[in-house]
Amino acid sequence: MEATILVTTLNEHRNNKQAAGLMIDALLKLGYKVTTDINSEYSLAIVWNSLLTDPEKETLEFIAEKASILYMYVDNDLPFPPGYVTLVSQFYDKGDVYFPISKLAIFHKYWYKPIQKVKKYDVFYGGTYKSRRDYSVLSSAYGTKVITGDSKEWDKYLSTYDNSLPTIRDLDLLYNIGAMCSSTYIVYDPLHTGNNVPTRFYECVFMDMNCIVIDDKGNKTRFTPEEIKNSVSEAELLRQIKDLIERFIDGK
């Protein structure tokens, strides 16, 4: 029987669902058979991380009874999974296997055909508030600004923003709003900076916006959409995915 790969998420988180879909696109490009049905037959499972609630643990255990699991770890605020899975991490300092998960963005429809809108604002920022990050740069950033997010901690920054919106769970809508802005920031994070490249970096290509990366000393490095696009090779990423799959399929 030809090997089939399960690709699934343990929850309905917008980013996980999108990343899983992009992985499916990549696997199909490589000629693999893919399923999203956990009850079907498969030789390997690729599962996206979660909070690991009891129902999610049960699902993971069910999948583990059928095949080896590559557990895609994209946020180090989340708990580590049980030891019976292979932890595939985009963080250099943790996991069983390193893989640049965020680069899956290159398989998105907006990678080669970005959203083109009139730039009405200078800065766009959105996401979950994390106390370990210094967001003061958002207050001091030059120009008109848009912020999205439900966290009450954002309130202290709202007076400096021209527009504030709640968390937008429809990623297509989020990208279309962001495309009206010229740039976004990747704020210094002691657990992330220098340890991974977040999806936000590559999403800038979708929205045709610049990305301003801030280091621990407050230095800013600006990347244009073209520079971001040129930093990634589809052929190389497909090779890495194939190597990952062939290493673990059928319990290897």
Protein backbone atom coordinates (compact mmCIF):
# COMPACT_ATOMS: atom_id res chain seq x y z
CA MET A 1 0.00 0.00 0.00
CA GLU A 2 1.30 3.45 -0.90
CA ALA A 3 2.22 5.49 2.14
CA THR A 4 -0.33 8.09 3.25
CA ILE A 5 0.39 11.01 5.58
CA LEU A 6 -2.14 12.42 8.03
CA VAL A 7 -2.01 16.19 8.50
CA THR A 8 -4.18 17.59 11.27
CA THR A 9 -4.46 20.02 14.16
CA LEU A 10 -5.63 19.35 17.70
CA ASN A 11 -7.71 22.51 17.81
CA GLU A 12 -9.26 25.09 15.52
CA HIS A 13 -6.63 27.79 16.03
CA ARG A 14 -6.48 29.94 12.88
CA ASN A 15 -2.70 29.84 12.49
CA ASN A 16 -2.49 26.09 13.02
CA LYS A 17 -5.23 25.39 10.49
CA GLN A 18 -3.55 27.60 7.92
CA ALA A 19 -0.12 26.06 8.49
CA ALA A 20 -1.54 22.54 8.24
CA GLY A 21 -3.18 23.46 4.94
CA LEU A 22 0.10 24.83 3.62
CA MET A 23 1.89 21.64 4.63
CA ILE A 24 -0.70 19.66 2.70
CA ASP A 25 -0.01 21.79 -0.38
CA ALA A 26 3.71 21.12 -0.02
CA LEU A 27 3.25 17.36 0.42
CA LEU A 28 1.03 17.19 -2.65
CA LYS A 29 3.71 19.06 -4.63
CA LEU A 30 6.12 16.33 -3.54
CA GLY A 31 3.74 13.59 -4.70
CA TYR A 32 2.68 12.19 -1.32
CA LYS A 33 -0.80 10.92 -0.55
CA VAL A 34 -2.42 12.99 2.21
CA THR A 35 -5.44 12.57 4.47
CA THR A 36 -7.04 14.77 7.11
CA ASP A 37 -9.19 11.96 8.53
CA ILE A 38 -7.73 10.61 11.79
CA ASN A 39 -9.86 7.48 11.41
CA SER A 40 -8.31 6.52 8.07
CA GLU A 41 -5.11 4.57 7.47
CA TYR A 42 -1.79 6.42 7.35
CA SER A 43 1.91 5.75 7.76
CA LEU A 44 2.86 9.02 9.44
CA ALA A 45 0.99 11.82 11.21
CA ILE A 46 1.90 15.51 11.20
CA VAL A 47 0.07 17.21 14.07
CA TRP A 48 0.07 20.88 15.06
CA ASN A 49 0.64 21.91 18.69
CA SER A 50 -2.06 22.92 21.15
CA LEU A 51 -2.80 23.57 24.82
CA LEU A 52 -3.06 19.78 25.23
CA THR A 53 -6.42 19.73 26.98
CA ASP A 54 -7.73 16.30 27.96
CA PRO A 55 -9.72 15.86 24.71
CA GLU A 56 -6.66 16.91 22.70
CA LYS A 57 -4.49 14.40 24.58
CA GLU A 58 -7.01 11.68 23.81
CA THR A 59 -6.87 12.56 20.12
CA LEU A 60 -3.07 12.49 20.18
CA GLU A 61 -3.10 9.07 21.88
CA PHE A 62 -5.54 7.76 19.29
CA ILE A 63 -3.31 8.91 16.44
CA ALA A 64 -0.20 7.49 18.14
CA GLU A 65 -1.78 4.02 18.15
CA LYS A 66 -1.90 4.14 14.36
CA ALA A 67 1.34 5.88 13.30
CA SER A 68 4.42 7.81 14.33
CA ILE A 69 3.72 11.49 15.04
CA LEU A 70 5.65 14.58 14.02
CA TYR A 71 4.40 17.22 16.46
CA MET A 72 4.84 20.68 14.96
CA TYR A 73 5.87 23.08 17.73
CA VAL A 74 5.53 26.75 16.76
CA ASP A 75 5.01 28.59 20.05
CA ASN A 76 7.14 28.01 23.12
CA ASP A 77 4.39 29.27 25.42
CA LEU A 78 2.63 25.94 24.86
CA PRO A 79 3.30 22.75 26.85
CA PHE A 80 5.61 20.06 25.56
CA PRO A 81 3.81 16.97 24.25
CA PRO A 82 4.19 13.41 25.60
CA GLY A 83 7.46 11.64 24.93
CA TYR A 84 5.96 9.26 22.39
CA VAL A 85 5.88 11.95 19.68
CA THR A 86 8.77 13.50 17.79
CA LEU A 87 8.89 17.20 18.64
CA VAL A 88 9.54 19.16 15.44
CA SER A 89 10.41 22.68 16.54
CA GLN A 90 11.16 25.94 14.75
CA PHE A 91 13.18 26.98 17.82
CA TYR A 92 16.88 26.24 17.64
CA ASP A 93 17.17 25.48 21.36
CA LYS A 94 14.46 22.85 21.79
CA GLY A 95 12.81 19.89 20.17
CA ASP A 96 13.96 16.57 18.72
CA VAL A 97 14.20 17.94 15.18
CA TYR A 98 14.60 21.48 13.89
CA PHE A 99 12.42 22.57 10.98
CA PRO A 100 11.55 26.15 9.90
CA ILE A 101 7.78 25.71 10.16
CA SER A 102 7.03 29.39 9.55
CA LYS A 103 8.54 29.12 6.05
CA LEU A 104 5.49 27.14 4.98
CA ALA A 105 4.12 30.62 4.26
CA ILE A 106 5.75 30.39 0.83
CA PHE A 107 3.00 27.99 -0.26
CA HIS A 108 0.28 30.55 0.50
CA LYS A 109 -1.68 32.06 -2.40
CA TYR A 110 -0.51 35.54 -1.40
CA TRP A 111 3.21 34.68 -1.54
CA TYR A 112 3.46 35.14 -5.30
CA LYS A 113 0.44 37.41 -5.63
CA PRO A 114 0.43 39.79 -2.61
CA ILE A 115 -2.58 41.91 -1.71
CA GLN A 116 -2.23 45.34 -3.26
CA LYS A 117 -4.01 48.18 -1.46
CA VAL A 118 -3.49 51.91 -1.03
CA LYS A 119 -1.34 52.40 2.09
CA LYS A 120 -3.53 54.47 4.42
CA TYR A 121 -1.52 53.85 7.62
CA ASP A 122 2.13 53.58 8.53
CA VAL A 123 2.20 50.81 11.15
CA PHE A 124 0.16 47.63 11.68
CA TYR A 125 0.45 45.41 14.75
CA GLY A 126 -1.69 42.58 16.03
CA GLY A 127 -1.57 39.46 18.11
CA THR A 128 -1.60 38.10 21.63
CA TYR A 129 -0.11 40.38 24.28
CA LYS A 130 2.93 38.77 25.98
CA SER A 131 4.23 40.38 29.16
CA ARG A 132 7.86 39.48 28.48
CA ARG A 133 7.93 41.77 25.43
CA ASP A 134 8.67 45.49 25.53
CA TYR A 135 5.96 47.10 23.42
CA SER A 136 7.05 50.67 24.10
CA VAL A 137 8.23 50.88 20.51
CA LEU A 138 4.59 50.75 19.47
CA SER A 139 3.91 53.97 21.30
CA SER A 140 6.96 55.74 19.88
CA ALA A 141 6.61 54.48 16.31
CA TYR A 142 6.27 57.26 13.78
CA GLY A 143 3.09 57.77 11.77
CA THR A 144 -0.49 56.54 11.74
CA LYS A 145 -1.12 53.15 13.33
CA VAL A 146 -3.57 50.26 13.50
CA ILE A 147 -3.62 47.69 16.31
CA THR A 148 -5.68 44.48 16.54
CA GLY A 149 -6.14 42.36 19.64
CA ASP A 150 -8.58 41.59 22.46
CA SER A 151 -6.07 41.47 25.32
CA LYS A 152 -6.94 44.15 27.89
CA GLU A 153 -3.22 44.88 28.23
CA TRP A 154 -3.34 46.57 24.83
CA ASP A 155 -5.44 49.37 26.36
CA LYS A 156 -2.37 51.32 27.47
CA TYR A 157 -1.25 51.62 23.83
CA LEU A 158 -4.60 52.45 22.28
CA SER A 159 -4.29 56.20 22.86
CA THR A 160 -1.31 56.24 20.49
CA TYR A 161 -3.12 54.30 17.79
CA ASP A 162 -5.40 55.82 15.19
CA ASN A 163 -7.49 52.67 14.88
CA SER A 164 -7.96 49.67 17.17
CA LEU A 165 -9.75 46.46 16.25
CA PRO A 166 -10.56 43.27 18.16
CA THR A 167 -8.73 40.03 17.40
CA ILE A 168 -9.47 39.07 13.80
CA ARG A 169 -9.72 35.31 13.42
CA ASP A 170 -10.37 35.38 9.69
CA LEU A 171 -6.82 35.49 8.40
CA ASP A 172 -7.84 36.61 4.92
CA LEU A 173 -9.60 39.62 6.46
CA LEU A 174 -6.60 40.27 8.70
CA TYR A 175 -4.24 40.30 5.72
CA ASN A 176 -6.50 42.64 3.77
CA ILE A 177 -6.56 45.09 6.68
CA GLY A 178 -2.81 44.83 7.17
CA ALA A 179 -2.27 45.48 3.48
CA MET A 180 -3.49 49.05 4.04
CA CYS A 181 -0.40 49.64 6.22
CA SER A 182 3.21 50.21 5.20
CA SER A 183 5.03 48.23 7.88
CA THR A 184 4.85 46.06 10.97
CA TYR A 185 7.21 45.25 13.86
CA ILE A 186 8.72 42.11 15.29
CA VAL A 187 9.27 43.22 18.88
CA TYR A 188 12.20 41.87 20.87
CA ASP A 189 11.29 38.71 22.76
CA PRO A 190 13.89 37.04 25.02
CA LEU A 191 12.56 33.57 24.14
CA HIS A 192 12.13 34.15 20.41
CA THR A 193 14.64 36.69 19.10
CA GLY A 194 17.59 34.90 17.52
CA ASN A 195 15.92 31.57 18.27
CA ASN A 196 13.36 31.40 15.46
CA VAL A 197 11.89 33.37 12.58
CA PRO A 198 8.17 33.93 13.26
CA THR A 199 5.42 33.56 10.68
CA ARG A 200 4.76 37.31 11.02
CA PHE A 201 8.04 37.91 9.15
CA TYR A 202 6.90 35.99 6.07
CA GLU A 203 3.31 37.24 6.24
CA CYS A 204 4.67 40.69 5.37
CA VAL A 205 5.03 39.43 1.81
CA PHE A 206 1.27 38.66 1.73
CA MET A 207 0.47 42.26 2.69
CA ASP A 208 3.22 43.94 0.68
CA MET A 209 4.56 45.60 3.84
CA ASN A 210 7.98 46.17 5.34
CA CYS A 211 9.04 44.30 8.47
CA ILE A 212 11.00 46.11 11.18
CA VAL A 213 12.85 43.70 13.48
CA ILE A 214 13.98 45.00 16.88
CA ASP A 215 16.86 43.42 18.82
CA ASP A 216 17.60 43.40 22.55
CA LYS A 217 19.37 46.77 22.34
CA GLY A 218 16.51 48.46 20.53
CA ASN A 219 18.25 48.46 17.16
CA LYS A 220 15.88 48.26 14.20
CA THR A 221 16.50 46.34 10.98
CA ARG A 222 14.13 46.92 8.08
CA PHE A 223 13.28 44.20 5.57
CA THR A 224 11.32 44.87 2.40
CA PRO A 225 8.85 42.30 1.04
CA GLU A 226 11.26 41.57 -1.81
CA GLU A 227 14.14 40.94 0.62
CA ILE A 228 11.96 38.60 2.65
CA LYS A 229 10.86 36.71 -0.46
CA ASN A 230 14.44 36.37 -1.66
CA SER A 231 15.50 34.88 1.68
CA VAL A 232 13.54 31.69 1.00
CA SER A 233 13.87 29.00 -1.67
CA GLU A 234 10.83 26.87 -2.46
CA ALA A 235 13.03 24.12 -3.88
CA GLU A 236 15.16 24.03 -0.73
CA LEU A 237 12.15 23.99 1.58
CA LEU A 238 10.55 21.15 -0.40
CA ARG A 239 13.83 19.24 -0.06
CA GLN A 240 13.80 19.76 3.72
CA ILE A 241 10.20 18.58 3.95
CA LYS A 242 10.97 15.48 1.90
CA ASP A 243 13.99 14.71 4.10
CA LEU A 244 11.84 15.09 7.21
CA ILE A 245 9.11 12.81 5.88
CA GLU A 246 11.44 10.13 4.57
CA ARG A 247 13.27 10.06 7.89
CA PHE A 248 10.19 9.20 9.92
CA ILE A 249 7.64 7.57 7.63
CA ASP A 250 6.77 3.98 8.52
CA GLY A 251 8.36 4.45 11.93
CA LYS A 252 11.91 4.94 10.65
